[in-house]
Amino acid sequence: MSSGKYIETARRLIRANPDLFEALVEFEHTRRMPKLGRKVHVDFTLDGDLVRELRREAAKRGLKMSQVVEQLVRDRVKGWRQE
């Protein structure tokens, strides 16, 4: 295989697995391998009325607020990538 094909294969793998390669970069710097796919605590502010409504509606559906927010964020990011 020519070096150009190796480079293109590497680029394709990086595009398909960005989290894995970011973890490898972090390992290079810290010599500690981070856990992949772990949940991260995020601290941000939302309107109080909106939070109460979200809590109520999520509970009706047997969901946690974080599950709802995570799916909404995932959908938004996916939409941005398609623009």
N, C-alpha and C. Protein backbone atom coordinates (compact mmCIF):
# COMPACT_ATOMS: atom_id res chain seq x y z
N MET A 1 0.86 -1.18 0.00
CA MET A 1 0.00 0.00 0.00
C MET A 1 0.90 1.23 0.00
N SER A 2 0.56 2.22 -0.82
CA SER A 2 1.37 3.43 -0.89
C SER A 2 1.13 4.29 0.35
N SER A 3 2.08 5.20 0.61
CA SER A 3 1.95 6.04 1.80
C SER A 3 0.71 6.91 1.74
N GLY A 4 0.30 7.32 0.55
CA GLY A 4 -0.92 8.12 0.41
C GLY A 4 -2.16 7.37 0.87
N LYS A 5 -2.20 6.06 0.57
CA LYS A 5 -3.35 5.25 1.01
C LYS A 5 -3.33 5.08 2.53
N TYR A 6 -2.15 4.93 3.12
CA TYR A 6 -2.05 4.83 4.58
C TYR A 6 -2.55 6.11 5.23
N ILE A 7 -2.13 7.23 4.67
CA ILE A 7 -2.54 8.52 5.23
C ILE A 7 -4.04 8.69 5.13
N GLU A 8 -4.63 8.37 3.99
CA GLU A 8 -6.08 8.51 3.83
C GLU A 8 -6.83 7.55 4.76
N THR A 9 -6.31 6.34 4.94
CA THR A 9 -6.93 5.39 5.87
C THR A 9 -6.88 5.92 7.29
N ALA A 10 -5.73 6.48 7.68
CA ALA A 10 -5.61 7.07 9.02
C ALA A 10 -6.58 8.22 9.20
N ARG A 11 -6.70 9.07 8.21
CA ARG A 11 -7.65 10.20 8.31
C ARG A 11 -9.08 9.71 8.43
N ARG A 12 -9.43 8.68 7.68
CA ARG A 12 -10.79 8.12 7.75
C ARG A 12 -11.06 7.55 9.15
N LEU A 13 -10.08 6.85 9.71
CA LEU A 13 -10.23 6.29 11.06
C LEU A 13 -10.37 7.39 12.11
N ILE A 14 -9.61 8.46 11.97
CA ILE A 14 -9.70 9.58 12.91
C ILE A 14 -11.07 10.24 12.83
N ARG A 15 -11.58 10.43 11.61
CA ARG A 15 -12.91 11.02 11.44
C ARG A 15 -13.99 10.13 12.04
N ALA A 16 -13.83 8.82 11.92
CA ALA A 16 -14.83 7.88 12.42
C ALA A 16 -14.76 7.70 13.94
N ASN A 17 -13.60 7.96 14.54
CA ASN A 17 -13.39 7.71 15.98
C ASN A 17 -12.71 8.87 16.67
N PRO A 18 -13.25 10.08 16.60
CA PRO A 18 -12.54 11.23 17.17
C PRO A 18 -12.31 11.11 18.67
N ASP A 19 -13.26 10.54 19.41
CA ASP A 19 -13.10 10.41 20.87
C ASP A 19 -11.91 9.52 21.21
N LEU A 20 -11.74 8.45 20.47
CA LEU A 20 -10.63 7.55 20.72
C LEU A 20 -9.30 8.25 20.50
N PHE A 21 -9.19 9.01 19.44
CA PHE A 21 -7.94 9.68 19.15
C PHE A 21 -7.67 10.84 20.11
N GLU A 22 -8.73 11.51 20.56
CA GLU A 22 -8.54 12.53 21.60
C GLU A 22 -8.05 11.89 22.89
N ALA A 23 -8.55 10.70 23.21
CA ALA A 23 -8.09 9.99 24.40
C ALA A 23 -6.61 9.62 24.27
N LEU A 24 -6.20 9.22 23.08
CA LEU A 24 -4.79 8.89 22.86
C LEU A 24 -3.90 10.12 23.00
N VAL A 25 -4.38 11.26 22.53
CA VAL A 25 -3.61 12.50 22.70
C VAL A 25 -3.49 12.84 24.18
N GLU A 26 -4.58 12.69 24.92
CA GLU A 26 -4.53 12.96 26.36
C GLU A 26 -3.55 12.00 27.04
N PHE A 27 -3.55 10.74 26.61
CA PHE A 27 -2.61 9.77 27.17
C PHE A 27 -1.17 10.20 26.93
N GLU A 28 -0.89 10.71 25.75
CA GLU A 28 0.46 11.18 25.43
C GLU A 28 0.91 12.28 26.39
N HIS A 29 -0.04 13.14 26.78
CA HIS A 29 0.30 14.26 27.66
C HIS A 29 0.35 13.87 29.13
N THR A 30 -0.55 12.98 29.55
CA THR A 30 -0.70 12.69 30.98
C THR A 30 -0.21 11.30 31.39
N ARG A 31 -0.03 10.43 30.42
CA ARG A 31 0.32 9.02 30.67
C ARG A 31 -0.78 8.29 31.44
N ARG A 32 -1.99 8.85 31.36
CA ARG A 32 -3.16 8.20 31.93
C ARG A 32 -4.21 8.09 30.84
N MET A 33 -4.78 6.91 30.69
CA MET A 33 -5.80 6.70 29.67
C MET A 33 -7.16 7.07 30.24
N PRO A 34 -7.83 8.05 29.68
CA PRO A 34 -9.15 8.42 30.20
C PRO A 34 -10.18 7.35 29.85
N LYS A 35 -11.22 7.27 30.65
CA LYS A 35 -12.30 6.34 30.35
C LYS A 35 -13.10 6.90 29.18
N LEU A 36 -13.34 6.09 28.20
CA LEU A 36 -14.11 6.51 27.03
C LEU A 36 -15.59 6.32 27.30
N GLY A 37 -16.39 7.23 26.78
CA GLY A 37 -17.83 7.11 26.90
C GLY A 37 -18.39 7.42 28.27
N ARG A 38 -17.60 8.00 29.14
CA ARG A 38 -18.11 8.30 30.48
C ARG A 38 -18.99 9.54 30.44
N LYS A 39 -19.87 9.61 31.38
CA LYS A 39 -20.73 10.78 31.51
C LYS A 39 -19.94 11.89 32.18
N VAL A 40 -20.24 13.13 31.83
CA VAL A 40 -19.56 14.29 32.37
C VAL A 40 -20.61 15.20 33.01
N HIS A 41 -20.32 15.66 34.20
CA HIS A 41 -21.21 16.61 34.87
C HIS A 41 -21.03 17.98 34.23
N VAL A 42 -22.16 18.60 33.87
CA VAL A 42 -22.14 19.92 33.24
C VAL A 42 -22.97 20.86 34.11
N ASP A 43 -22.44 22.03 34.35
CA ASP A 43 -23.13 23.01 35.17
C ASP A 43 -23.51 24.20 34.31
N PHE A 44 -24.83 24.41 34.10
CA PHE A 44 -25.29 25.58 33.35
C PHE A 44 -26.62 26.03 33.93
N THR A 45 -27.07 27.19 33.54
CA THR A 45 -28.26 27.81 34.11
C THR A 45 -29.39 27.80 33.09
N LEU A 46 -30.58 27.41 33.57
CA LEU A 46 -31.80 27.43 32.75
C LEU A 46 -32.88 28.20 33.49
N ASP A 47 -33.86 28.66 32.78
CA ASP A 47 -35.00 29.34 33.36
C ASP A 47 -35.72 28.39 34.33
N GLY A 48 -36.04 28.88 35.52
CA GLY A 48 -36.65 28.06 36.56
C GLY A 48 -37.98 27.45 36.15
N ASP A 49 -38.82 28.24 35.47
CA ASP A 49 -40.11 27.71 35.01
C ASP A 49 -39.91 26.58 34.00
N LEU A 50 -38.93 26.74 33.13
CA LEU A 50 -38.63 25.72 32.13
C LEU A 50 -38.16 24.43 32.80
N VAL A 51 -37.33 24.55 33.82
CA VAL A 51 -36.82 23.37 34.53
C VAL A 51 -37.97 22.64 35.22
N ARG A 52 -38.87 23.38 35.85
CA ARG A 52 -40.02 22.73 36.50
C ARG A 52 -40.88 21.99 35.49
N GLU A 53 -41.11 22.62 34.34
CA GLU A 53 -41.92 21.98 33.30
C GLU A 53 -41.19 20.75 32.73
N LEU A 54 -39.90 20.87 32.51
CA LEU A 54 -39.11 19.73 32.01
C LEU A 54 -39.16 18.58 33.01
N ARG A 55 -38.97 18.89 34.29
CA ARG A 55 -39.00 17.85 35.34
C ARG A 55 -40.35 17.14 35.34
N ARG A 56 -41.43 17.91 35.27
CA ARG A 56 -42.77 17.35 35.30
C ARG A 56 -43.03 16.47 34.08
N GLU A 57 -42.71 16.98 32.89
CA GLU A 57 -42.98 16.23 31.66
C GLU A 57 -42.09 14.99 31.54
N ALA A 58 -40.84 15.10 31.95
CA ALA A 58 -39.95 13.94 31.91
C ALA A 58 -40.46 12.86 32.86
N ALA A 59 -40.90 13.26 34.06
CA ALA A 59 -41.40 12.30 35.05
C ALA A 59 -42.64 11.57 34.52
N LYS A 60 -43.52 12.28 33.83
CA LYS A 60 -44.72 11.66 33.24
C LYS A 60 -44.33 10.53 32.30
N ARG A 61 -43.19 10.69 31.66
CA ARG A 61 -42.75 9.72 30.66
C ARG A 61 -41.73 8.71 31.22
N GLY A 62 -41.49 8.82 32.53
CA GLY A 62 -40.56 7.89 33.16
C GLY A 62 -39.11 8.13 32.78
N LEU A 63 -38.78 9.37 32.45
CA LEU A 63 -37.42 9.72 32.04
C LEU A 63 -36.77 10.63 33.07
N LYS A 64 -35.45 10.63 33.05
CA LYS A 64 -34.70 11.60 33.85
C LYS A 64 -34.50 12.84 33.00
N MET A 65 -34.43 13.98 33.66
CA MET A 65 -34.21 15.23 32.92
C MET A 65 -32.92 15.15 32.11
N SER A 66 -31.89 14.56 32.68
CA SER A 66 -30.62 14.50 31.97
C SER A 66 -30.73 13.67 30.69
N GLN A 67 -31.58 12.64 30.69
CA GLN A 67 -31.78 11.85 29.47
C GLN A 67 -32.41 12.71 28.38
N VAL A 68 -33.40 13.50 28.77
CA VAL A 68 -34.09 14.36 27.81
C VAL A 68 -33.12 15.40 27.25
N VAL A 69 -32.39 16.06 28.13
CA VAL A 69 -31.45 17.10 27.70
C VAL A 69 -30.37 16.50 26.81
N GLU A 70 -29.85 15.34 27.19
CA GLU A 70 -28.80 14.70 26.39
C GLU A 70 -29.31 14.40 24.98
N GLN A 71 -30.53 13.88 24.86
CA GLN A 71 -31.07 13.57 23.53
C GLN A 71 -31.30 14.85 22.72
N LEU A 72 -31.79 15.90 23.37
CA LEU A 72 -32.00 17.17 22.66
C LEU A 72 -30.68 17.73 22.15
N VAL A 73 -29.66 17.68 22.98
CA VAL A 73 -28.34 18.19 22.58
C VAL A 73 -27.77 17.33 21.45
N ARG A 74 -27.91 16.00 21.58
CA ARG A 74 -27.44 15.10 20.53
C ARG A 74 -28.11 15.42 19.19
N ASP A 75 -29.44 15.63 19.22
CA ASP A 75 -30.17 15.96 18.00
C ASP A 75 -29.70 17.29 17.41
N ARG A 76 -29.46 18.28 18.26
CA ARG A 76 -29.02 19.60 17.79
C ARG A 76 -27.64 19.50 17.14
N VAL A 77 -26.73 18.80 17.79
CA VAL A 77 -25.37 18.66 17.25
C VAL A 77 -25.42 17.92 15.92
N LYS A 78 -26.23 16.89 15.84
CA LYS A 78 -26.38 16.14 14.58
C LYS A 78 -26.90 17.07 13.48
N GLY A 79 -27.87 17.91 13.82
CA GLY A 79 -28.39 18.88 12.85
C GLY A 79 -27.34 19.86 12.38
N TRP A 80 -26.53 20.35 13.31
CA TRP A 80 -25.45 21.27 12.94
C TRP A 80 -24.47 20.61 11.99
N ARG A 81 -24.16 19.33 12.26
CA ARG A 81 -23.20 18.63 11.39
C ARG A 81 -23.74 18.47 9.98
N GLN A 82 -25.06 18.42 9.84
CA GLN A 82 -25.67 18.21 8.52
C GLN A 82 -25.86 19.52 7.75
N GLU A 83 -25.64 20.65 8.41
CA GLU A 83 -25.82 21.95 7.73
C GLU A 83 -24.71 22.19 6.73
